[in-house]
Protein backbone atom coordinates (compact mmCIF):
# COMPACT_ATOMS: atom_id res chain seq x y z
CA MET A 1 30.59 11.34 -29.09
CA PRO A 2 28.23 10.67 -25.73
CA THR A 3 30.16 10.26 -22.89
CA ILE A 4 28.61 7.63 -20.41
CA ASP A 5 28.06 8.79 -16.84
CA VAL A 6 29.61 5.16 -15.55
CA ASN A 7 28.72 6.25 -11.33
CA LYS A 8 25.10 6.90 -12.62
CA LYS A 9 24.64 3.64 -14.74
CA SER A 10 26.13 1.10 -11.58
CA THR A 11 23.95 3.67 -9.55
CA GLY A 12 20.88 2.57 -11.47
CA ARG A 13 22.04 -0.94 -11.77
CA ARG A 14 22.37 -0.97 -7.48
CA LYS A 15 18.77 0.26 -7.46
CA ILE A 16 17.55 -2.39 -9.49
CA ILE A 17 19.06 -5.23 -8.17
CA ALA A 18 18.44 -4.38 -4.52
CA PRO A 19 14.43 -4.75 -5.16
CA LEU A 20 15.36 -8.37 -6.88
CA ILE A 21 16.95 -9.50 -3.97
CA ILE A 22 14.34 -8.46 -1.33
CA ILE A 23 11.94 -10.06 -4.11
CA ALA A 24 13.92 -13.41 -4.19
CA ILE A 25 14.18 -13.71 -0.39
CA ALA A 26 10.28 -12.88 0.24
CA VAL A 27 9.67 -16.01 -2.52
CA LEU A 28 12.75 -18.24 -0.97
CA ILE A 29 12.40 -18.69 2.36
CA PRO A 30 8.75 -19.10 2.47
CA THR A 31 9.51 -22.22 -0.85
CA MET A 32 11.95 -23.54 1.73
CA MET A 33 9.32 -23.60 4.86
CA GLU A 34 7.09 -25.48 2.19
CA ASN A 35 9.03 -27.93 1.33
CA ASN A 36 10.62 -28.65 4.87
CA ILE A 37 14.45 -27.16 3.68
CA ILE A 38 14.43 -24.94 6.49
CA PHE A 39 11.99 -24.91 9.80
CA SER A 40 8.33 -26.45 9.29
CA PRO A 41 5.56 -24.69 7.30
CA ASN A 42 4.02 -22.14 8.93
CA ASN A 43 0.44 -21.10 7.99
CA TYR A 44 0.61 -17.99 10.58
CA PHE A 45 3.94 -16.79 9.50
CA TYR A 46 1.97 -17.19 5.79
CA LEU A 47 -0.88 -15.44 6.97
CA LEU A 48 1.04 -12.53 8.15
CA LEU A 49 3.15 -12.12 4.70
CA CYS A 50 0.04 -12.07 3.10
CA PHE A 51 -1.25 -9.33 5.30
CA SER A 52 1.90 -7.05 4.81
CA ALA A 53 1.87 -7.50 0.77
CA ILE A 54 -2.17 -6.88 0.83
CA TYR A 55 -1.02 -3.43 2.71
CA ALA A 56 2.22 -2.63 1.38
CA ILE A 57 -0.09 -2.45 -1.95
CA ALA A 58 -2.60 -0.08 0.20
CA THR A 59 0.21 2.11 1.42
CA SER A 60 2.17 2.31 -2.08
CA GLY A 61 -1.33 4.07 -3.21
CA LEU A 62 -1.88 6.72 -0.42
CA ASP A 63 2.04 7.08 -1.24
CA ILE A 64 1.83 8.61 -4.68
CA LEU A 65 -0.92 11.17 -3.26
CA TYR A 66 0.80 11.79 0.77
CA GLY A 67 4.47 11.23 -0.80
CA TYR A 68 4.77 12.07 -4.31
CA THR A 69 1.48 14.80 -4.63
CA GLY A 70 1.69 16.53 -0.79
CA GLN A 71 -1.94 15.41 -0.37
CA ILE A 72 -3.26 13.89 3.25
CA SER A 73 -5.66 11.61 3.68
CA PHE A 74 -7.49 9.82 6.66
CA GLY A 75 -9.56 8.00 4.78
CA HIS A 76 -8.21 5.38 2.41
CA ALA A 77 -10.40 2.57 4.32
CA GLY A 78 -13.42 4.10 2.30
CA PHE A 79 -11.42 2.73 -0.85
CA PHE A 80 -10.31 -0.10 1.08
CA ALA A 81 -13.91 -0.74 1.97
CA ILE A 82 -15.55 -0.29 -1.29
CA GLY A 83 -12.84 -2.76 -3.19
CA SER A 84 -13.91 -5.26 -0.85
CA TYR A 85 -17.81 -4.68 -0.66
CA ILE A 86 -17.76 -4.17 -4.79
CA SER A 87 -15.76 -7.40 -5.35
CA VAL A 88 -17.77 -9.29 -2.99
CA LEU A 89 -21.38 -7.96 -4.30
CA LEU A 90 -20.10 -8.67 -7.94
CA CYS A 91 -19.18 -12.49 -6.87
CA HIS A 92 -20.93 -14.15 -3.71
CA PRO A 93 -23.86 -16.62 -4.73
CA ALA A 94 -25.95 -15.39 -2.38
CA TRP A 95 -25.49 -11.03 -2.62
CA GLY A 96 -25.17 -8.60 -4.61
CA ILE A 97 -26.01 -9.21 -8.58
CA SER A 98 -26.88 -12.93 -7.72
CA GLN A 99 -29.72 -11.69 -5.62
CA TRP A 100 -30.89 -9.14 -8.78
CA PHE A 101 -29.88 -10.70 -12.07
CA GLY A 102 -29.11 -14.39 -11.06
CA PHE A 103 -25.54 -14.48 -12.28
CA THR A 104 -21.98 -13.73 -11.41
CA LEU A 105 -18.82 -12.71 -12.22
CA PRO A 106 -15.29 -15.00 -11.02
CA PRO A 107 -13.65 -13.21 -8.45
CA SER A 108 -10.69 -12.84 -11.03
CA ILE A 109 -12.90 -10.32 -13.25
CA THR A 110 -14.24 -8.29 -9.73
CA ILE A 111 -10.97 -7.56 -8.16
CA PHE A 112 -9.91 -5.35 -11.07
CA VAL A 113 -13.34 -3.94 -11.61
CA ALA A 114 -13.99 -3.18 -7.85
CA ALA A 115 -10.34 -1.25 -8.22
CA PHE A 116 -11.69 0.63 -11.49
CA VAL A 117 -15.02 1.57 -9.28
CA SER A 118 -12.39 2.80 -6.42
CA MET A 119 -11.07 5.04 -8.79
CA ILE A 120 -13.88 6.28 -9.92
CA ILE A 121 -15.11 7.25 -6.57
CA GLY A 122 -11.36 8.87 -5.55
CA VAL A 123 -11.14 10.56 -8.89
CA LEU A 124 -15.36 12.43 -7.82
CA LEU A 125 -13.80 12.85 -4.32
CA SER A 126 -10.73 14.66 -5.60
CA LEU A 127 -13.29 17.61 -7.53
CA PRO A 128 -13.82 19.53 -3.92
CA ALA A 129 -10.89 17.91 -2.54
CA SER A 130 -8.21 19.36 -5.49
CA LYS A 131 -9.59 23.28 -4.37
CA LEU A 132 -8.79 22.09 -0.12
CA VAL A 133 -5.33 22.33 1.71
CA PHE A 134 -4.23 21.18 4.90
CA HIS A 135 -6.21 20.51 7.79
CA PHE A 136 -9.39 21.08 5.28
CA LEU A 137 -8.36 18.36 3.09
CA SER A 138 -7.69 15.94 5.90
CA LEU A 139 -11.32 16.54 7.15
CA LEU A 140 -12.98 16.30 3.55
CA THR A 141 -11.63 12.98 3.42
CA ILE A 142 -12.41 11.92 6.93
CA ALA A 143 -15.28 12.64 6.09
CA PHE A 144 -15.33 10.42 3.13
CA GLY A 145 -14.24 7.18 5.16
CA GLN A 146 -17.14 8.15 7.68
CA LEU A 147 -19.68 8.57 4.77
CA ILE A 148 -18.32 5.21 3.53
CA PHE A 149 -18.73 3.40 7.12
CA LEU A 150 -22.57 4.84 7.20
CA THR A 151 -23.19 3.46 3.84
CA ILE A 152 -22.23 0.19 4.75
CA THR A 153 -23.98 -0.07 8.10
CA SER A 154 -27.39 1.76 6.72
CA PHE A 155 -28.59 -0.64 3.79
CA PRO A 156 -28.34 -4.48 5.79
CA LYS A 157 -30.58 -5.88 2.59
CA ILE A 158 -27.32 -4.79 0.23
CA THR A 159 -24.35 -5.23 2.71
CA ASN A 160 -25.78 -7.47 5.71
CA ALA A 161 -24.45 -4.60 8.04
CA TYR A 162 -22.51 -5.70 10.82
CA ARG A 163 -23.31 -9.36 10.31
CA GLY A 164 -20.88 -9.09 7.77
CA ILE A 165 -20.65 -11.34 4.84
CA THR A 166 -19.24 -15.06 4.83
CA ALA A 167 -17.89 -18.01 2.62
CA ILE A 168 -16.45 -15.49 0.31
CA PRO A 169 -15.34 -16.87 -3.54
CA GLN A 170 -12.09 -18.12 -3.89
CA ILE A 171 -9.82 -16.92 -6.60
CA SER A 172 -8.74 -18.61 -9.63
CA PHE A 173 -6.44 -17.72 -12.72
CA PHE A 174 -6.03 -19.90 -15.50
CA GLY A 175 -7.11 -22.87 -13.19
CA ILE A 176 -5.41 -22.67 -10.32
CA SER A 177 -7.61 -21.94 -7.22
CA PHE A 178 -5.72 -19.03 -4.82
CA SER A 179 -7.36 -19.99 -1.02
CA ALA A 180 -5.95 -18.35 2.14
CA VAL A 181 -7.94 -21.45 3.47
CA SER A 182 -6.62 -24.30 1.79
CA SER A 183 -3.31 -22.75 1.18
CA LYS A 184 -2.18 -19.23 2.67
CA TYR A 185 1.36 -20.14 0.98
CA ARG A 186 -0.63 -20.36 -2.24
CA PHE A 187 -2.32 -16.99 -1.48
CA PHE A 188 0.66 -15.17 -0.48
CA LEU A 189 2.51 -15.68 -3.84
CA LEU A 190 -0.54 -14.46 -5.39
CA SER A 191 -0.49 -11.50 -3.08
CA LEU A 192 3.65 -10.87 -4.08
CA PHE A 193 2.87 -11.02 -7.39
CA PHE A 194 0.65 -8.36 -7.66
CA LEU A 195 2.95 -6.39 -5.42
CA VAL A 196 5.69 -6.39 -7.24
CA ILE A 197 3.45 -5.60 -10.74
CA PHE A 198 1.78 -2.71 -8.89
CA LEU A 199 5.63 -1.35 -7.81
CA ILE A 200 6.60 -1.49 -10.87
CA ILE A 201 3.97 0.55 -12.29
CA LYS A 202 4.43 3.29 -9.47
CA GLN A 203 7.58 3.50 -10.19
CA ASN A 204 6.98 4.17 -14.03
CA ILE A 205 4.21 6.74 -12.81
CA VAL A 206 6.69 8.75 -10.42
CA LYS A 207 9.69 8.55 -13.28
CA SER A 208 7.33 10.05 -15.78
CA ARG A 209 6.21 13.39 -16.76
CA ILE A 210 3.05 12.68 -14.58
CA GLY A 211 5.18 12.06 -11.92
CA ARG A 212 7.08 14.89 -12.41
CA GLY A 213 3.93 16.82 -12.05
CA PHE A 214 2.96 15.21 -9.22
CA SER A 215 6.27 16.06 -7.20
CA ALA A 216 6.04 19.70 -8.38
CA ILE A 217 2.55 19.92 -6.78
CA ARG A 218 4.15 18.56 -3.64
CA GLU A 219 7.03 20.69 -3.69
CA ASN A 220 5.42 24.37 -4.39
CA ILE A 221 1.89 24.19 -6.02
CA LEU A 222 1.99 27.87 -6.95
CA ALA A 223 5.58 27.43 -9.18
CA ALA A 224 3.60 24.34 -10.61
CA ASN A 225 1.01 26.32 -11.45
CA GLY A 226 2.85 28.88 -12.86
CA CYS A 227 5.08 26.30 -14.97
CA GLY A 228 1.87 25.76 -16.90
CA ILE A 229 1.16 22.23 -14.63
CA ASN A 230 -2.68 21.91 -14.77
CA VAL A 231 -2.44 21.13 -10.93
CA ARG A 232 -6.48 20.66 -10.70
CA TYR A 233 -6.33 17.78 -13.24
CA TYR A 234 -2.84 16.08 -11.71
CA LYS A 235 -4.47 16.26 -8.20
CA MET A 236 -7.28 14.22 -9.65
CA MET A 237 -4.97 11.34 -11.27
CA SER A 238 -3.05 11.05 -8.04
CA PHE A 239 -6.66 10.38 -6.32
CA GLY A 240 -7.66 7.96 -9.26
CA ILE A 241 -4.46 6.34 -8.71
CA SER A 242 -4.19 6.13 -5.19
CA ALA A 243 -7.84 5.17 -4.69
CA PHE A 244 -7.20 2.09 -7.61
CA TYR A 245 -4.29 0.72 -5.85
CA THR A 246 -6.34 0.67 -2.45
CA GLY A 247 -9.42 -0.73 -3.88
CA PHE A 248 -7.74 -3.38 -5.00
CA ALA A 249 -5.95 -3.88 -2.18
CA GLY A 250 -9.32 -4.25 -0.19
CA ALA A 251 -10.50 -6.46 -3.06
CA LEU A 252 -7.53 -9.27 -2.04
CA TYR A 253 -8.27 -8.80 1.68
CA ALA A 254 -11.92 -9.76 1.07
CA HIS A 255 -10.66 -12.86 -0.60
CA MET A 256 -8.00 -13.41 1.15
CA VAL A 257 -9.75 -13.31 5.02
CA GLY A 258 -13.49 -14.81 3.48
CA PHE A 259 -15.53 -12.62 5.47
CA ILE A 260 -15.71 -8.60 5.66
CA SER A 261 -17.83 -6.27 8.14
CA PRO A 262 -17.47 -3.06 8.65
CA ASP A 263 -15.42 -3.50 11.65
CA THR A 264 -12.77 -3.81 9.38
CA TYR A 265 -13.10 -0.26 7.71
CA VAL A 266 -13.27 2.05 10.86
CA ALA A 267 -11.14 4.80 10.63
CA ASN A 268 -8.19 3.38 12.40
CA THR A 269 -7.53 1.32 9.22
CA SER A 270 -6.88 4.52 7.75
CA ASN A 271 -4.75 5.54 10.35
CA ILE A 272 -2.67 2.48 10.02
CA MET A 273 -2.23 2.95 6.50
CA MET A 274 -0.60 6.79 7.20
CA THR A 275 1.49 5.52 9.96
CA MET A 276 3.17 2.20 7.49
CA LEU A 277 3.84 4.98 4.95
CA LEU A 278 5.30 7.72 7.78
CA PHE A 279 6.91 4.74 9.52
CA GLY A 280 8.61 3.07 6.25
CA GLY A 281 9.26 6.61 4.63
CA ASN A 282 7.19 8.59 2.15
CA GLY A 283 8.26 9.48 -1.37
CA ASN A 284 10.21 6.03 -2.48
CA LEU A 285 9.26 2.44 -3.72
CA ALA A 286 10.48 0.46 -0.73
CA GLY A 287 9.36 2.49 2.40
CA PRO A 288 5.42 1.68 1.98
CA VAL A 289 6.48 -2.09 1.17
CA ILE A 290 9.11 -2.13 4.89
CA GLY A 291 6.59 0.52 6.85
CA ALA A 292 3.67 -2.09 6.26
CA THR A 293 6.13 -5.26 6.99
CA VAL A 294 6.74 -3.98 10.02
CA ILE A 295 3.74 -1.92 11.27
CA THR A 296 1.88 -5.82 10.70
CA LEU A 297 4.80 -7.87 12.90
CA ILE A 298 4.27 -5.12 15.44
CA GLN A 299 1.37 -5.34 16.25
CA GLU A 300 0.84 -9.14 15.81
CA GLY A 301 3.71 -9.41 18.28
CA LEU A 302 1.93 -6.71 20.94
CA ALA A 303 -1.53 -8.78 20.50
CA GLU A 304 -0.91 -10.59 23.97
CA LEU A 305 -0.60 -7.17 25.45
CA LYS A 306 -4.13 -6.09 25.00
CA ASP A 307 -4.91 -3.00 26.55
CA TYR A 308 -1.48 -1.98 26.94
CA ARG A 309 -0.88 -2.87 22.95
CA MET A 310 -2.28 0.45 21.84
CA LEU A 311 -0.19 2.56 24.33
CA ILE A 312 3.37 0.89 23.72
CA PHE A 313 2.55 1.16 19.52
CA GLY A 314 1.91 4.50 20.12
CA ILE A 315 5.03 5.43 22.24
CA PHE A 316 7.01 3.50 19.88
CA LEU A 317 5.47 5.09 16.92
CA LEU A 318 6.53 8.57 18.55
CA ILE A 319 10.13 7.62 19.00
CA VAL A 320 10.58 6.77 15.26
CA ILE A 321 9.09 10.07 14.20
CA LEU A 322 10.45 12.00 16.56
CA PHE A 323 13.95 11.09 16.13
CA GLN A 324 13.76 9.61 12.78
CA PRO A 325 11.13 11.46 10.40
CA ASN A 326 12.29 9.95 6.94
CA GLY A 327 11.15 6.74 8.16
CA LEU A 328 13.01 3.48 8.43
CA TYR A 329 13.96 3.61 4.79
CA GLY A 330 15.34 7.51 5.59
CA LEU A 331 16.92 5.83 8.28
CA TYR A 332 18.65 2.98 5.70
CA LEU A 333 19.49 5.94 2.91
CA SER A 334 21.68 8.53 5.83
CA THR A 335 23.51 5.03 7.31
CA VAL A 336 24.38 3.78 4.03
CA SER A 337 25.66 7.98 3.14
CA LYS A 338 27.76 8.18 6.09
CA ILE A 339 29.12 5.02 5.33
CA LYS A 340 30.16 6.01 2.22
CA LYS A 341 31.29 9.58 3.41
CA ARG A 342 33.82 7.58 5.90
CA LEU A 343 35.07 5.66 3.34
CA ALA A 344 35.84 8.91 0.77
CA SER A 345 37.40 10.45 3.64
CA ARG A 346 39.96 7.07 4.28
CA LYS A 347 41.03 6.82 0.92
CA GLU A 348 41.84 10.70 1.10
CA VAL A 349 43.51 10.06 3.96
CA LYS A 350 46.08 7.25 3.18
CA PRO A 351 47.02 9.02 -0.76
CA ASN A 352 48.27 12.45 1.69
CA ALA A 353 50.02 9.82 4.49
CA GLU A 354 52.08 8.11 2.06
CA ALA A 355 53.14 11.39 0.67
């Protein structure tokens, strides 16, 4: 009769319970604020939560590529832009397909279409990228991000270039409208819902055969190839999944803000996403979410410092990366591990003392 590892089972339960508690708190506190139970409704606070959830989706996608597969990318702002512009051009009454064909699609559909288009472009980008490593790969992704930026600015009849596109339609599901203009609280709940769904999908991917293939490539690409893993195929898959996540986040961002222009999708956006990932911790479920939330709050907190903001921000990040390379989630794990070791050592000392 097979034995059951009680410790392993309890550890698995803790891994499930912890995210559920975090999600419950993320829903409970804004809900209590919205109903004046604690504090009072704060649209600025809701807006920060919306930004955090959207960037957490994008950073989770980047984590699949970098944290699990070991493929660096400084061009994810390109996928973020693709998701934004594709969704807007498919649903806007004055731009895109409305100009050419006289009809539009509902935003509830276009955000998914935009994500699929981003995924396809991500797979196409992976064809040359799968043959590159290290700085050559990073240079290719930087060039890709710059190419998307130049494409947006070079076709003003389609994208309105630097003047941008305004009056973006709001998302609606089952007759319920989700607009950051009318209710930022409601849009936060929508963003949080999609974040949870994408995290569940990510967890299932990394725990599957596909995820094990990603990890094998990250650890040793030659050994992975020798074990029969189709390295190029798995790299293409990781690029596609990562682009899908980031493209979907870009589409949500466009409908939340209600305005898009090329200035949003500069190279600095890619750098911020990578910073969020490294700051929170890569190769896990919680790290990208922690990094996206903390970096969003830090950026807004330093906004009043203007010219000195980026200097202080950079010094702070440098200290964290140098002294805690595994990110905040790594710091949490190491702290918990040390506490457990101390408690275990105390338990061992007590029986000896009694003896």
